[in-house]
Structures are given as structure tokens and as C-alpha cells.
């Protein structure tokens, strides 16, 4: 029978505790930041969109195959790949896509962008939000809400409990806008 001294037992106990602590910290980090830590800044995107609209007769980017592709029109003059990636898509994918001269798509852009709006539209219309609903640094939000950016550089946190109501209101506002635009 092998005898282990108190010093060795204490050392093994501390080593096991350290391994558990590191493992627990890693699990917490993976839960807290499901796509990794990111600061793909929504405020920078809001300013880039506003600058684009000011330089293009009041029109936000539009006209490409998808809203995400239209968002690509910001590159490279108004926003870089880091801002355009959102908080869920790996930077390498976005960077290589844009550097090839291709447009982003639904799977290569983490932002939900509402295409076709103008600076003069109703300020209650949302311009973009994070598709998954992550916090400022890519952290999981406890209630499933989202930070939403509106026309005119306004933003608001919409809690998960009010998310469906928000989406329904946006549909109504967009329908009203379309009706007015087509003289109805």
C-alpha cells in the first residue's frame, strides 16, 4: 500500500480545486458569451448608417439582394468588417467576404437591418437590432430582450416580455409607411 503524505494530499486537493475552478470559469464564460466576447458596437453602426443616409439624399442603404447585403454598402467608407459582423459571426468570415467584394448575407451578418428607410421617416421605426439578442459585449441577456436602434440615432432596450409586441408595432408602422408612400 502506498502512503501519501499530508503535503501531497493537500497539493492534490488544491490542484483538483484549481482544475474545478478553471473548468467552472470556462463553463460560465461559454454560457455568458455564447459567441465569444465581442464589441461589434451598435452605436458605431448607428452613426455609420446615419452618415451614409446624410451622404445619399436621406436614404439608408438599400437595393441589394438581402437587407444584410444592403448593409454591406457601408463598407469600407462608413463601417469596417468588425462593426458589420454583429456579435455572432466570426470576424474572419465577414472580413474575407467583404475583401472579396462580395456582400454579406443572413448567415454572415449578425444584425437585423430594416432596409429601405429614409431620414425623414417616422422616428418610431426601428433601423436595426442584434438578431440573437446579445448585450453590448456579446453577453447573453437574461430576459431575451434586445437593444434596438431607431431612426434619428435613438435607441431603447426592449425587454423579452415586450419583444413580440414591439415586432407587431413595427409591422404596423411599416404598413402605414407603405400606405402613405403609395398614396393610400
N, C-alpha and C. Protein backbone atom coordinates (compact mmCIF):
# COMPACT_ATOMS: atom_id res chain seq x y z
N UNK A 1 0.83 -1.17 0.00
CA UNK A 1 0.00 0.00 0.00
C UNK A 1 0.88 1.24 0.00
N UNK A 2 0.47 2.19 -0.86
CA UNK A 2 1.26 3.42 -0.99
C UNK A 2 0.70 4.44 -0.02
N UNK A 3 1.63 5.05 0.70
CA UNK A 3 1.23 6.09 1.64
C UNK A 3 1.51 7.45 1.01
N UNK A 4 0.51 8.33 1.12
CA UNK A 4 0.67 9.68 0.60
C UNK A 4 0.72 10.62 1.80
N UNK A 5 1.75 11.45 1.80
CA UNK A 5 1.91 12.37 2.93
C UNK A 5 0.83 13.45 2.91
N UNK A 6 0.68 14.11 4.04
CA UNK A 6 -0.30 15.19 4.15
C UNK A 6 -0.01 16.29 3.14
N UNK A 7 1.25 16.58 2.93
CA UNK A 7 1.65 17.63 1.97
C UNK A 7 1.19 17.29 0.55
N UNK A 8 1.40 16.00 0.16
CA UNK A 8 0.97 15.56 -1.17
C UNK A 8 -0.55 15.58 -1.28
N UNK A 9 -1.24 15.15 -0.25
CA UNK A 9 -2.71 15.16 -0.27
C UNK A 9 -3.23 16.59 -0.40
N UNK A 10 -2.64 17.49 0.35
CA UNK A 10 -3.04 18.89 0.26
C UNK A 10 -2.77 19.44 -1.14
N UNK A 11 -1.61 19.09 -1.68
CA UNK A 11 -1.27 19.54 -3.04
C UNK A 11 -2.25 19.01 -4.07
N UNK A 12 -2.60 17.72 -3.97
CA UNK A 12 -3.57 17.12 -4.90
C UNK A 12 -4.95 17.76 -4.73
N UNK A 13 -5.34 18.01 -3.50
CA UNK A 13 -6.62 18.65 -3.23
C UNK A 13 -6.67 20.05 -3.85
N UNK A 14 -5.60 20.82 -3.67
CA UNK A 14 -5.53 22.17 -4.25
C UNK A 14 -5.54 22.12 -5.77
N UNK A 15 -4.81 21.16 -6.34
CA UNK A 15 -4.77 21.00 -7.79
C UNK A 15 -6.16 20.66 -8.34
N UNK A 16 -6.84 19.74 -7.66
CA UNK A 16 -8.20 19.37 -8.08
C UNK A 16 -9.13 20.57 -7.96
N UNK A 17 -9.01 21.34 -6.89
CA UNK A 17 -9.83 22.55 -6.71
C UNK A 17 -9.56 23.57 -7.80
N UNK A 18 -8.30 23.74 -8.15
CA UNK A 18 -7.94 24.67 -9.22
C UNK A 18 -8.53 24.22 -10.55
N UNK A 19 -8.43 22.93 -10.84
CA UNK A 19 -9.00 22.39 -12.08
C UNK A 19 -10.51 22.63 -12.14
N UNK A 20 -11.19 22.41 -11.03
CA UNK A 20 -12.64 22.66 -10.98
C UNK A 20 -12.95 24.14 -11.17
N UNK A 21 -12.16 25.00 -10.54
CA UNK A 21 -12.38 26.44 -10.67
C UNK A 21 -12.18 26.90 -12.11
N UNK A 22 -11.10 26.44 -12.74
CA UNK A 22 -10.83 26.82 -14.14
C UNK A 22 -11.94 26.28 -15.05
N UNK A 23 -12.30 25.02 -14.84
CA UNK A 23 -13.38 24.44 -15.64
C UNK A 23 -14.69 25.17 -15.44
N UNK A 24 -15.00 25.51 -14.20
CA UNK A 24 -16.22 26.25 -13.91
C UNK A 24 -16.21 27.63 -14.53
N UNK A 25 -15.07 28.29 -14.46
CA UNK A 25 -14.96 29.63 -15.07
C UNK A 25 -15.15 29.54 -16.58
N UNK A 26 -14.58 28.50 -17.19
CA UNK A 26 -14.72 28.33 -18.64
C UNK A 26 -16.18 28.06 -19.00
N UNK A 27 -16.84 27.21 -18.25
CA UNK A 27 -18.26 26.94 -18.49
C UNK A 27 -19.10 28.21 -18.32
N UNK A 28 -18.82 28.99 -17.27
CA UNK A 28 -19.55 30.25 -17.07
C UNK A 28 -19.33 31.19 -18.26
N UNK A 29 -18.08 31.31 -18.70
CA UNK A 29 -17.75 32.19 -19.82
C UNK A 29 -18.50 31.74 -21.08
N UNK A 30 -18.50 30.44 -21.35
CA UNK A 30 -19.18 29.92 -22.54
C UNK A 30 -20.68 30.16 -22.47
N UNK A 31 -21.26 30.09 -21.26
CA UNK A 31 -22.67 30.37 -21.11
C UNK A 31 -22.93 31.87 -21.25
N UNK A 32 -22.12 32.68 -20.60
CA UNK A 32 -22.32 34.13 -20.60
C UNK A 32 -22.10 34.75 -21.98
N UNK A 33 -21.08 34.27 -22.70
CA UNK A 33 -20.73 34.80 -24.03
C UNK A 33 -20.82 33.66 -25.04
N UNK A 34 -22.03 33.28 -25.47
CA UNK A 34 -22.20 32.10 -26.32
C UNK A 34 -21.45 32.17 -27.66
N UNK A 35 -21.16 33.36 -28.14
CA UNK A 35 -20.42 33.52 -29.40
C UNK A 35 -19.04 34.12 -29.15
N UNK A 36 -18.66 34.21 -27.89
CA UNK A 36 -17.40 34.85 -27.52
C UNK A 36 -17.63 36.32 -27.21
N UNK A 37 -16.64 36.93 -26.55
CA UNK A 37 -16.71 38.36 -26.23
C UNK A 37 -16.59 39.14 -27.52
N UNK A 38 -17.41 40.16 -27.66
CA UNK A 38 -17.39 40.97 -28.88
C UNK A 38 -17.80 42.38 -28.54
N UNK A 39 -17.18 43.31 -29.21
CA UNK A 39 -17.64 44.68 -29.09
C UNK A 39 -17.89 45.23 -30.48
N UNK A 40 -18.69 44.50 -31.24
CA UNK A 40 -19.15 44.98 -32.53
C UNK A 40 -20.21 46.02 -32.20
N UNK A 41 -19.78 47.24 -32.15
CA UNK A 41 -20.55 48.31 -31.50
C UNK A 41 -21.78 48.75 -32.29
N UNK A 42 -22.93 48.59 -31.67
CA UNK A 42 -24.18 49.01 -32.30
C UNK A 42 -24.24 50.53 -32.46
N UNK A 43 -23.63 51.26 -31.54
CA UNK A 43 -23.62 52.72 -31.66
C UNK A 43 -22.80 53.16 -32.87
N UNK A 44 -21.67 52.49 -33.12
CA UNK A 44 -20.88 52.81 -34.31
C UNK A 44 -21.69 52.53 -35.58
N UNK A 45 -22.42 51.42 -35.56
CA UNK A 45 -23.26 51.10 -36.72
C UNK A 45 -24.34 52.16 -36.91
N UNK A 46 -24.94 52.61 -35.84
CA UNK A 46 -25.98 53.64 -35.94
C UNK A 46 -25.42 54.92 -36.56
N UNK A 47 -24.24 55.34 -36.11
CA UNK A 47 -23.62 56.54 -36.68
C UNK A 47 -23.22 56.33 -38.14
N UNK A 48 -22.72 55.15 -38.47
CA UNK A 48 -22.34 54.86 -39.86
C UNK A 48 -23.57 54.91 -40.77
N UNK A 49 -24.67 54.34 -40.32
CA UNK A 49 -25.90 54.38 -41.11
C UNK A 49 -26.40 55.81 -41.29
N UNK A 50 -26.33 56.59 -40.22
CA UNK A 50 -26.77 57.98 -40.29
C UNK A 50 -25.89 58.78 -41.27
N UNK A 51 -24.59 58.60 -41.19
CA UNK A 51 -23.69 59.30 -42.11
C UNK A 51 -23.95 58.89 -43.55
N UNK A 52 -24.16 57.61 -43.77
CA UNK A 52 -24.47 57.13 -45.12
C UNK A 52 -25.73 57.82 -45.64
N UNK A 53 -26.78 57.83 -44.82
CA UNK A 53 -28.04 58.44 -45.24
C UNK A 53 -27.87 59.92 -45.55
N UNK A 54 -27.13 60.63 -44.71
CA UNK A 54 -26.90 62.05 -44.97
C UNK A 54 -26.17 62.27 -46.29
N UNK A 55 -25.27 61.37 -46.64
CA UNK A 55 -24.50 61.50 -47.88
C UNK A 55 -25.24 60.96 -49.11
N UNK A 56 -26.39 60.30 -48.91
CA UNK A 56 -27.13 59.69 -50.02
C UNK A 56 -28.58 60.16 -50.07
N UNK A 57 -28.75 61.47 -49.97
CA UNK A 57 -30.08 62.05 -50.13
C UNK A 57 -31.10 61.62 -49.10
N UNK A 58 -30.65 61.26 -47.91
CA UNK A 58 -31.56 60.86 -46.85
C UNK A 58 -31.94 59.40 -46.86
N UNK A 59 -31.39 58.63 -47.80
CA UNK A 59 -31.72 57.20 -47.91
C UNK A 59 -30.68 56.34 -47.21
N UNK A 60 -31.17 55.41 -46.40
CA UNK A 60 -30.28 54.42 -45.80
C UNK A 60 -29.96 53.36 -46.86
N UNK A 61 -28.91 52.57 -46.66
CA UNK A 61 -28.52 51.58 -47.67
C UNK A 61 -29.67 50.66 -48.05
N UNK A 62 -29.85 50.45 -49.35
CA UNK A 62 -30.93 49.60 -49.84
C UNK A 62 -30.63 49.15 -51.26
N UNK A 63 -31.41 48.17 -51.73
CA UNK A 63 -31.36 47.78 -53.12
C UNK A 63 -30.58 46.51 -53.43
N UNK A 64 -29.97 45.92 -52.45
CA UNK A 64 -29.22 44.68 -52.69
C UNK A 64 -30.17 43.48 -52.49
N UNK A 65 -29.64 42.26 -52.67
CA UNK A 65 -30.46 41.05 -52.60
C UNK A 65 -31.13 40.83 -51.24
N UNK A 66 -30.43 41.17 -50.18
CA UNK A 66 -30.95 41.00 -48.83
C UNK A 66 -30.67 42.27 -48.03
N UNK A 67 -31.35 42.46 -46.91
CA UNK A 67 -31.02 43.61 -46.06
C UNK A 67 -29.56 43.60 -45.61
N UNK A 68 -29.04 42.40 -45.31
CA UNK A 68 -27.64 42.29 -44.89
C UNK A 68 -26.69 42.70 -46.02
N UNK A 69 -27.05 42.36 -47.25
CA UNK A 69 -26.24 42.77 -48.40
C UNK A 69 -26.27 44.29 -48.54
N UNK A 70 -27.43 44.89 -48.32
CA UNK A 70 -27.52 46.36 -48.37
C UNK A 70 -26.69 46.99 -47.27
N UNK A 71 -26.66 46.38 -46.10
CA UNK A 71 -25.83 46.87 -45.01
C UNK A 71 -24.35 46.86 -45.42
N UNK A 72 -23.98 45.94 -46.29
CA UNK A 72 -22.60 45.85 -46.79
C UNK A 72 -22.16 47.11 -47.53
N UNK A 73 -23.12 47.90 -48.02
CA UNK A 73 -22.79 49.13 -48.74
C UNK A 73 -22.06 50.13 -47.85
N UNK A 74 -22.11 49.91 -46.56
CA UNK A 74 -21.38 50.78 -45.62
C UNK A 74 -19.87 50.55 -45.69
N UNK A 75 -19.46 49.40 -46.20
CA UNK A 75 -18.05 49.01 -46.22
C UNK A 75 -17.37 49.57 -47.46
N UNK A 76 -16.20 50.11 -47.38
CA UNK A 76 -15.36 50.39 -46.23
C UNK A 76 -15.44 51.85 -45.77
N UNK A 77 -16.21 52.67 -46.47
CA UNK A 77 -16.20 54.11 -46.20
C UNK A 77 -16.88 54.52 -44.89
N UNK A 78 -17.89 53.77 -44.47
CA UNK A 78 -18.65 54.17 -43.28
C UNK A 78 -18.48 53.21 -42.10
N UNK A 79 -18.23 51.94 -42.38
CA UNK A 79 -18.08 50.95 -41.30
C UNK A 79 -17.12 49.86 -41.77
N UNK A 80 -16.36 49.33 -40.82
CA UNK A 80 -15.44 48.24 -41.16
C UNK A 80 -16.10 46.89 -40.88
N UNK A 81 -15.36 45.83 -41.17
CA UNK A 81 -15.88 44.48 -41.01
C UNK A 81 -16.21 44.15 -39.55
N UNK A 82 -15.50 44.77 -38.63
CA UNK A 82 -15.72 44.49 -37.22
C UNK A 82 -17.10 44.99 -36.78
N UNK A 83 -17.50 46.14 -37.27
CA UNK A 83 -18.82 46.69 -36.94
C UNK A 83 -19.91 45.91 -37.67
N UNK A 84 -19.67 45.56 -38.93
CA UNK A 84 -20.69 44.91 -39.75
C UNK A 84 -20.95 43.45 -39.37
N UNK A 85 -20.01 42.81 -38.71
CA UNK A 85 -20.18 41.39 -38.39
C UNK A 85 -21.32 41.14 -37.41
N UNK A 86 -21.62 42.11 -36.55
CA UNK A 86 -22.55 41.84 -35.47
C UNK A 86 -21.82 41.08 -34.38
N UNK A 87 -22.57 40.44 -33.51
CA UNK A 87 -21.95 39.79 -32.35
C UNK A 87 -21.92 38.27 -32.45
N UNK A 88 -22.38 37.72 -33.57
CA UNK A 88 -22.49 36.26 -33.67
C UNK A 88 -21.64 35.63 -34.77
N UNK A 89 -21.18 36.42 -35.71
CA UNK A 89 -20.47 35.87 -36.87
C UNK A 89 -18.96 36.09 -36.69
N UNK A 90 -18.15 35.05 -36.91
CA UNK A 90 -16.70 35.21 -36.78
C UNK A 90 -16.16 36.29 -37.72
N UNK A 91 -15.29 37.11 -37.20
CA UNK A 91 -14.70 38.22 -37.95
C UNK A 91 -14.06 37.75 -39.25
N UNK A 92 -13.36 36.62 -39.23
CA UNK A 92 -12.65 36.14 -40.43
C UNK A 92 -13.61 35.94 -41.60
N UNK A 93 -14.80 35.44 -41.30
CA UNK A 93 -15.80 35.18 -42.35
C UNK A 93 -16.25 36.50 -42.97
N UNK A 94 -16.57 37.47 -42.14
CA UNK A 94 -17.05 38.77 -42.62
C UNK A 94 -15.95 39.49 -43.38
N UNK A 95 -14.76 39.48 -42.82
CA UNK A 95 -13.63 40.16 -43.45
C UNK A 95 -13.32 39.58 -44.83
N UNK A 96 -13.25 38.26 -44.93
CA UNK A 96 -12.93 37.66 -46.23
C UNK A 96 -14.05 37.90 -47.24
N UNK A 97 -15.30 37.88 -46.79
CA UNK A 97 -16.43 38.14 -47.68
C UNK A 97 -16.34 39.55 -48.25
N UNK A 98 -16.15 40.53 -47.39
CA UNK A 98 -16.11 41.92 -47.83
C UNK A 98 -14.87 42.23 -48.65
N UNK A 99 -13.73 41.67 -48.27
CA UNK A 99 -12.49 41.92 -49.01
C UNK A 99 -12.54 41.32 -50.42
N UNK A 100 -13.33 40.25 -50.61
CA UNK A 100 -13.52 39.67 -51.95
C UNK A 100 -14.43 40.53 -52.81
N UNK A 101 -15.08 41.50 -52.18
CA UNK A 101 -16.03 42.35 -52.90
C UNK A 101 -17.44 41.78 -52.89
N UNK A 102 -17.66 40.71 -52.12
CA UNK A 102 -19.00 40.13 -52.01
C UNK A 102 -19.80 40.86 -50.94
N UNK A 103 -21.08 40.64 -50.96
CA UNK A 103 -21.98 41.23 -49.97
C UNK A 103 -22.26 40.23 -48.86
N UNK A 104 -22.58 40.76 -47.70
CA UNK A 104 -22.97 39.91 -46.58
C UNK A 104 -24.36 39.34 -46.84
N UNK A 105 -24.67 38.26 -46.15
CA UNK A 105 -25.98 37.63 -46.25
C UNK A 105 -26.50 37.33 -44.86
N UNK A 106 -27.66 36.70 -44.76
CA UNK A 106 -28.25 36.40 -43.46
C UNK A 106 -27.33 35.59 -42.54
N UNK A 107 -26.54 34.70 -43.11
CA UNK A 107 -25.66 33.88 -42.28
C UNK A 107 -24.30 34.51 -42.02
N UNK A 108 -24.00 35.62 -42.65
CA UNK A 108 -22.69 36.27 -42.46
C UNK A 108 -22.80 37.65 -41.82
N UNK A 109 -23.96 37.95 -41.27
CA UNK A 109 -24.16 39.24 -40.61
C UNK A 109 -25.08 39.04 -39.41
N UNK A 110 -24.66 39.47 -38.25
CA UNK A 110 -25.44 39.28 -37.03
C UNK A 110 -26.48 40.35 -36.76
N UNK A 111 -26.59 41.34 -37.64
CA UNK A 111 -27.56 42.41 -37.43
C UNK A 111 -28.85 42.14 -38.20
N UNK A 112 -29.98 42.49 -37.61
CA UNK A 112 -31.25 42.54 -38.32
C UNK A 112 -31.41 44.00 -38.75
N UNK A 113 -31.38 44.24 -40.04
CA UNK A 113 -31.44 45.59 -40.59
C UNK A 113 -32.74 45.76 -41.35
N UNK A 114 -33.43 46.88 -41.12
CA UNK A 114 -34.67 47.18 -41.81
C UNK A 114 -34.32 48.07 -43.00
N UNK A 115 -34.40 47.50 -44.14
CA UNK A 115 -33.96 48.15 -45.38
C UNK A 115 -35.04 49.09 -45.94
N UNK A 116 -34.58 50.12 -46.64
CA UNK A 116 -35.48 50.97 -47.40
C UNK A 116 -35.99 52.22 -46.69
N UNK A 117 -35.49 52.50 -45.52
CA UNK A 117 -35.97 53.66 -44.77
C UNK A 117 -35.22 54.93 -45.17
N UNK A 118 -35.79 56.06 -44.78
CA UNK A 118 -35.20 57.37 -45.05
C UNK A 118 -35.10 58.16 -43.75
N UNK A 119 -34.23 59.15 -43.75
CA UNK A 119 -34.06 60.00 -42.57
C UNK A 119 -35.36 60.70 -42.17
N UNK A 120 -36.24 60.95 -43.12
CA UNK A 120 -37.48 61.69 -42.86
C UNK A 120 -38.63 60.80 -42.41
N UNK A 121 -38.43 59.50 -42.33
CA UNK A 121 -39.49 58.58 -41.90
C UNK A 121 -39.78 58.74 -40.41
N UNK A 122 -40.85 58.13 -39.98
CA UNK A 122 -41.31 58.14 -38.59
C UNK A 122 -40.18 57.66 -37.67
N UNK A 123 -39.85 58.48 -36.69
CA UNK A 123 -38.75 58.17 -35.75
C UNK A 123 -39.04 56.95 -34.88
N UNK A 124 -40.26 56.47 -34.87
CA UNK A 124 -40.59 55.27 -34.12
C UNK A 124 -40.18 53.99 -34.85
N UNK A 125 -39.78 54.13 -36.12
CA UNK A 125 -39.36 52.96 -36.89
C UNK A 125 -37.96 52.52 -36.46
N UNK A 126 -37.83 51.23 -36.24
CA UNK A 126 -36.54 50.66 -35.87
C UNK A 126 -35.69 50.48 -37.13
N UNK A 127 -34.42 50.78 -37.01
CA UNK A 127 -33.49 50.64 -38.12
C UNK A 127 -32.73 49.32 -38.06
N UNK A 128 -32.31 48.92 -36.85
CA UNK A 128 -31.62 47.64 -36.71
C UNK A 128 -31.57 47.19 -35.26
N UNK A 129 -31.26 45.89 -35.08
CA UNK A 129 -31.03 45.29 -33.78
C UNK A 129 -30.24 44.01 -33.96
N UNK A 130 -29.73 43.49 -32.87
CA UNK A 130 -28.98 42.25 -32.89
C UNK A 130 -29.95 41.08 -33.10
N UNK A 131 -29.65 40.20 -34.06
CA UNK A 131 -30.56 39.10 -34.37
C UNK A 131 -30.80 38.17 -33.18
N UNK A 132 -29.76 37.89 -32.43
CA UNK A 132 -29.86 36.93 -31.34
C UNK A 132 -30.32 37.58 -30.05
N UNK A 133 -29.98 38.80 -29.85
CA UNK A 133 -30.33 39.49 -28.61
C UNK A 133 -29.24 39.38 -27.57
N UNK A 134 -28.08 39.91 -27.91
CA UNK A 134 -26.93 39.89 -27.01
C UNK A 134 -26.67 41.30 -26.50
N UNK A 135 -25.99 41.38 -25.38
CA UNK A 135 -25.65 42.67 -24.78
C UNK A 135 -24.51 43.36 -25.49
N UNK A 136 -24.11 44.48 -24.94
CA UNK A 136 -23.10 45.36 -25.55
C UNK A 136 -21.79 44.66 -25.88
N UNK A 137 -21.39 43.70 -25.08
CA UNK A 137 -20.13 42.99 -25.33
C UNK A 137 -20.35 41.54 -25.76
N UNK A 138 -21.53 41.24 -26.26
CA UNK A 138 -21.83 39.89 -26.73
C UNK A 138 -22.32 38.96 -25.64
N UNK A 139 -22.66 39.53 -24.47
CA UNK A 139 -23.11 38.68 -23.38
C UNK A 139 -24.59 38.32 -23.53
N UNK A 140 -24.92 37.13 -23.05
CA UNK A 140 -26.30 36.66 -23.05
C UNK A 140 -27.12 37.58 -22.16
N UNK A 141 -28.29 37.95 -22.61
CA UNK A 141 -29.19 38.78 -21.82
C UNK A 141 -30.19 37.87 -21.12
N UNK A 142 -30.43 38.12 -19.87
CA UNK A 142 -31.24 37.21 -19.05
C UNK A 142 -32.70 37.14 -19.46
N UNK A 143 -33.23 38.20 -20.07
CA UNK A 143 -34.67 38.19 -20.36
C UNK A 143 -35.01 38.07 -21.84
N UNK A 144 -34.01 37.86 -22.71
CA UNK A 144 -34.29 37.68 -24.13
C UNK A 144 -34.63 38.96 -24.88
N UNK A 145 -34.34 40.10 -24.29
CA UNK A 145 -34.62 41.38 -24.93
C UNK A 145 -33.54 41.76 -25.94
N UNK A 146 -33.69 42.95 -26.48
CA UNK A 146 -32.74 43.44 -27.47
C UNK A 146 -32.61 44.96 -27.35
N UNK A 147 -31.42 45.45 -27.68
CA UNK A 147 -31.20 46.89 -27.83
C UNK A 147 -31.57 47.21 -29.27
N UNK A 148 -32.50 48.12 -29.44
CA UNK A 148 -33.00 48.48 -30.77
C UNK A 148 -32.57 49.91 -31.08
N UNK A 149 -32.12 50.13 -32.31
CA UNK A 149 -31.76 51.48 -32.77
C UNK A 149 -32.80 51.96 -33.76
N UNK A 150 -33.27 53.16 -33.50
CA UNK A 150 -34.34 53.76 -34.29
C UNK A 150 -33.77 54.82 -35.23
N UNK A 151 -34.62 55.31 -36.12
CA UNK A 151 -34.24 56.43 -36.97
C UNK A 151 -33.92 57.62 -36.09
N UNK A 152 -32.99 58.43 -36.53
CA UNK A 152 -32.64 59.62 -35.76
C UNK A 152 -31.70 59.36 -34.61
N UNK A 153 -31.01 58.24 -34.62
CA UNK A 153 -29.98 57.89 -33.64
C UNK A 153 -30.51 57.59 -32.24
N UNK A 154 -31.81 57.36 -32.11
CA UNK A 154 -32.35 56.95 -30.82
C UNK A 154 -32.19 55.45 -30.62
N UNK A 155 -32.12 55.03 -29.37
CA UNK A 155 -32.04 53.60 -29.07
C UNK A 155 -32.81 53.31 -27.80
N UNK A 156 -33.24 52.05 -27.67
CA UNK A 156 -34.02 51.66 -26.50
C UNK A 156 -33.87 50.16 -26.29
N UNK A 157 -33.81 49.76 -25.03
CA UNK A 157 -33.79 48.34 -24.71
C UNK A 157 -35.23 47.85 -24.65
N UNK A 158 -35.54 46.84 -25.45
CA UNK A 158 -36.87 46.24 -25.44
C UNK A 158 -36.76 44.91 -24.70
N UNK A 159 -37.38 44.77 -23.53
CA UNK A 159 -37.30 43.52 -22.78
C UNK A 159 -37.94 42.36 -23.54
N UNK A 160 -37.50 41.17 -23.26
CA UNK A 160 -38.04 39.98 -23.91
C UNK A 160 -39.55 39.86 -23.75
N UNK A 161 -40.07 40.27 -22.61
CA UNK A 161 -41.51 40.18 -22.36
C UNK A 161 -42.32 41.10 -23.27
N UNK A 162 -41.67 42.09 -23.87
CA UNK A 162 -42.36 43.04 -24.75
C UNK A 162 -41.90 42.90 -26.21
N UNK A 163 -41.07 41.90 -26.49
CA UNK A 163 -40.48 41.77 -27.83
C UNK A 163 -41.53 41.54 -28.90
N UNK A 164 -42.45 40.62 -28.69
CA UNK A 164 -43.49 40.33 -29.70
C UNK A 164 -44.35 41.55 -29.95
N UNK A 165 -44.70 42.26 -28.90
CA UNK A 165 -45.49 43.49 -29.03
C UNK A 165 -44.72 44.52 -29.87
N UNK A 166 -43.42 44.64 -29.62
CA UNK A 166 -42.58 45.56 -30.38
C UNK A 166 -42.60 45.19 -31.87
N UNK A 167 -42.41 43.91 -32.18
CA UNK A 167 -42.39 43.47 -33.58
C UNK A 167 -43.73 43.76 -34.27
N UNK A 168 -44.82 43.53 -33.57
CA UNK A 168 -46.14 43.81 -34.13
C UNK A 168 -46.33 45.30 -34.40
N UNK A 169 -45.85 46.14 -33.49
CA UNK A 169 -45.95 47.59 -33.69
C UNK A 169 -45.10 48.03 -34.88
N UNK A 170 -43.93 47.43 -35.02
CA UNK A 170 -43.07 47.76 -36.17
C UNK A 170 -43.76 47.38 -37.48
N UNK A 171 -44.41 46.23 -37.53
CA UNK A 171 -45.14 45.81 -38.73
C UNK A 171 -46.20 46.84 -39.09
N UNK A 172 -46.94 47.32 -38.08
CA UNK A 172 -47.99 48.32 -38.31
C UNK A 172 -47.39 49.63 -38.83
N UNK A 173 -46.29 50.06 -38.21
CA UNK A 173 -45.65 51.31 -38.65
C UNK A 173 -45.14 51.19 -40.08
N UNK A 174 -44.57 50.05 -40.42
CA UNK A 174 -44.08 49.85 -41.79
C UNK A 174 -45.24 49.80 -42.78
N UNK A 175 -46.36 49.20 -42.38
CA UNK A 175 -47.54 49.15 -43.25
C UNK A 175 -48.09 50.57 -43.47
N UNK A 176 -48.14 51.38 -42.41
CA UNK A 176 -48.59 52.77 -42.53
C UNK A 176 -47.69 53.55 -43.46
N UNK A 177 -46.38 53.32 -43.32
CA UNK A 177 -45.40 53.99 -44.18
C UNK A 177 -45.63 53.62 -45.64
N UNK A 178 -45.83 52.35 -45.90
CA UNK A 178 -46.04 51.88 -47.27
C UNK A 178 -47.34 52.47 -47.84
N UNK A 179 -48.36 52.55 -47.01
CA UNK A 179 -49.65 53.10 -47.43
C UNK A 179 -49.50 54.58 -47.82
N UNK A 180 -48.79 55.34 -46.99
CA UNK A 180 -48.56 56.76 -47.27
C UNK A 180 -47.71 56.94 -48.51
N UNK A 181 -46.73 56.10 -48.66
CA UNK A 181 -45.81 56.19 -49.80
C UNK A 181 -46.54 55.93 -51.12
N UNK A 182 -47.53 55.04 -51.07
CA UNK A 182 -48.26 54.69 -52.29
C UNK A 182 -49.59 55.44 -52.41
N UNK A 183 -49.74 56.49 -51.58
CA UNK A 183 -50.91 57.36 -51.68
C UNK A 183 -52.20 56.75 -51.20
N UNK A 184 -52.12 55.77 -50.27
CA UNK A 184 -53.33 55.09 -49.79
C UNK A 184 -53.84 55.62 -48.58
